[in-house]
Every structure is written in C-alpha cells, then in structure tokens.
Amino acid sequence: LTATSGRHAAFQKSDVELLAFLATTIALDMENLRLHRVSVTDRMTGAFNREFLAIRLPQELELADGNERSLAVAMVDVDHFKDVNDQHGHDVGDDVLCEIARRLRAAIRAGDLLVRYGGEEFLVVLPRANAGQAWEVGERMRTRVALSPVVVGPRLLPLRVSVGIAQHKLGESATELIRRADGALY
C-alpha cells in the first residue's frame, strides 16, 4: 500500500495509522484467500480436492434441482497408471498426474470443476450439462490426453484415460451420482 503527496509532511500520525490498519487488513484478507485456496486444492496437481467436492457438489445438486437445470459428472481414470509408477517410479508418476491434470483442465469448459478424486482418478463436475454435452467434454478430455505422449525428462509416455459420465437425476445424492459415473467408467 502506497500513499504519496506532493506536499512536505502532508500526512499526520492518524493518517499513517489509518493506512497501516488498511494495509494490515488487506494483507490478512489476502492471506485468508491463500489459505482457503490451499485448503481446497490438491497441492500436486492444482485440481480441487475431495474436501472441496464434499462441499461444492451438494450445492451444485441443490441448484440443479431447484432451478431444473441439468448437471453431470465425469469420472476420469488414467489407464494402466500403476505401470507408470512401477516402471518409472513415483516421481515420474507425480509428473504424469500433473500433466494429465493440465490437459484435463484445458479440455473442460469454463465453470466446470476439476477435482482430484484419488490416486489417478479425477472427477469433473459439469454444471448445466446434459448427458450429451457431458459426453462431448469427456471425449475432449480423452482425446486431449491421448493426443501426444507425456514428456517426462527423456521419456515419452503414451497415456490414455477412461471416462464415465452420469447425468444427475432429480433428488439424487452426490454419492449416488458419483457411484453411477464410476460404474459408467468401467
């Protein structure tokens, strides 16, 4: 925070105290925002985490039910990911997951929510998407990941993802919706 004046000794002690108070308040607000972001984000991939999902998905379901809007979710699993870890190590596996998250983020729509669901699984919440629109996003994600190998150091790793889509049914719980997307994945 900067305050300037063309006049010499333009600020009184009370002005400086007010500016210091404002600067401290702004700094605390910024730190609170940072801490909130950290608390709802997977540190490695930058995707939202399960804590965020547990709060946000029920809100999205309530909005969909209350406004008669469509909503879908896509469960995304990195195919044969265990082989990546087994053959190249967990550090390479971590790098691969970060790149997968980047590609998935680039394939989803503005307003869609990418969540690291666990291990090598991601869940995408698709507000205002019916099954057909969700399928299009799922296909875009699948294609984006498979388009080119993931480069990790000197390695080129061709990867694929499988995607399961479920459109929300009126009154359905978050758990039921996710379970159906997971079932569609297989």
Foldseek 3Di string as FASTA:
>chain_A
DDDDDPDPPPDDPVRVVVVVVVVVVVVVVVVVVVVVLVVQADPLQRAGEVVCCVPVVVVLLCVCQVVVAKKKKKKKAKPPLVCCCVVPNVVVSSVLLNVLSVLLVVLDDVVWGWYDHDDRMIMIIGTRDAQVRVVNSQVSSQCSQQVFFDDDPPDGHRIGMFMFMFMDDRPDDPVVRVVNSVVRSD
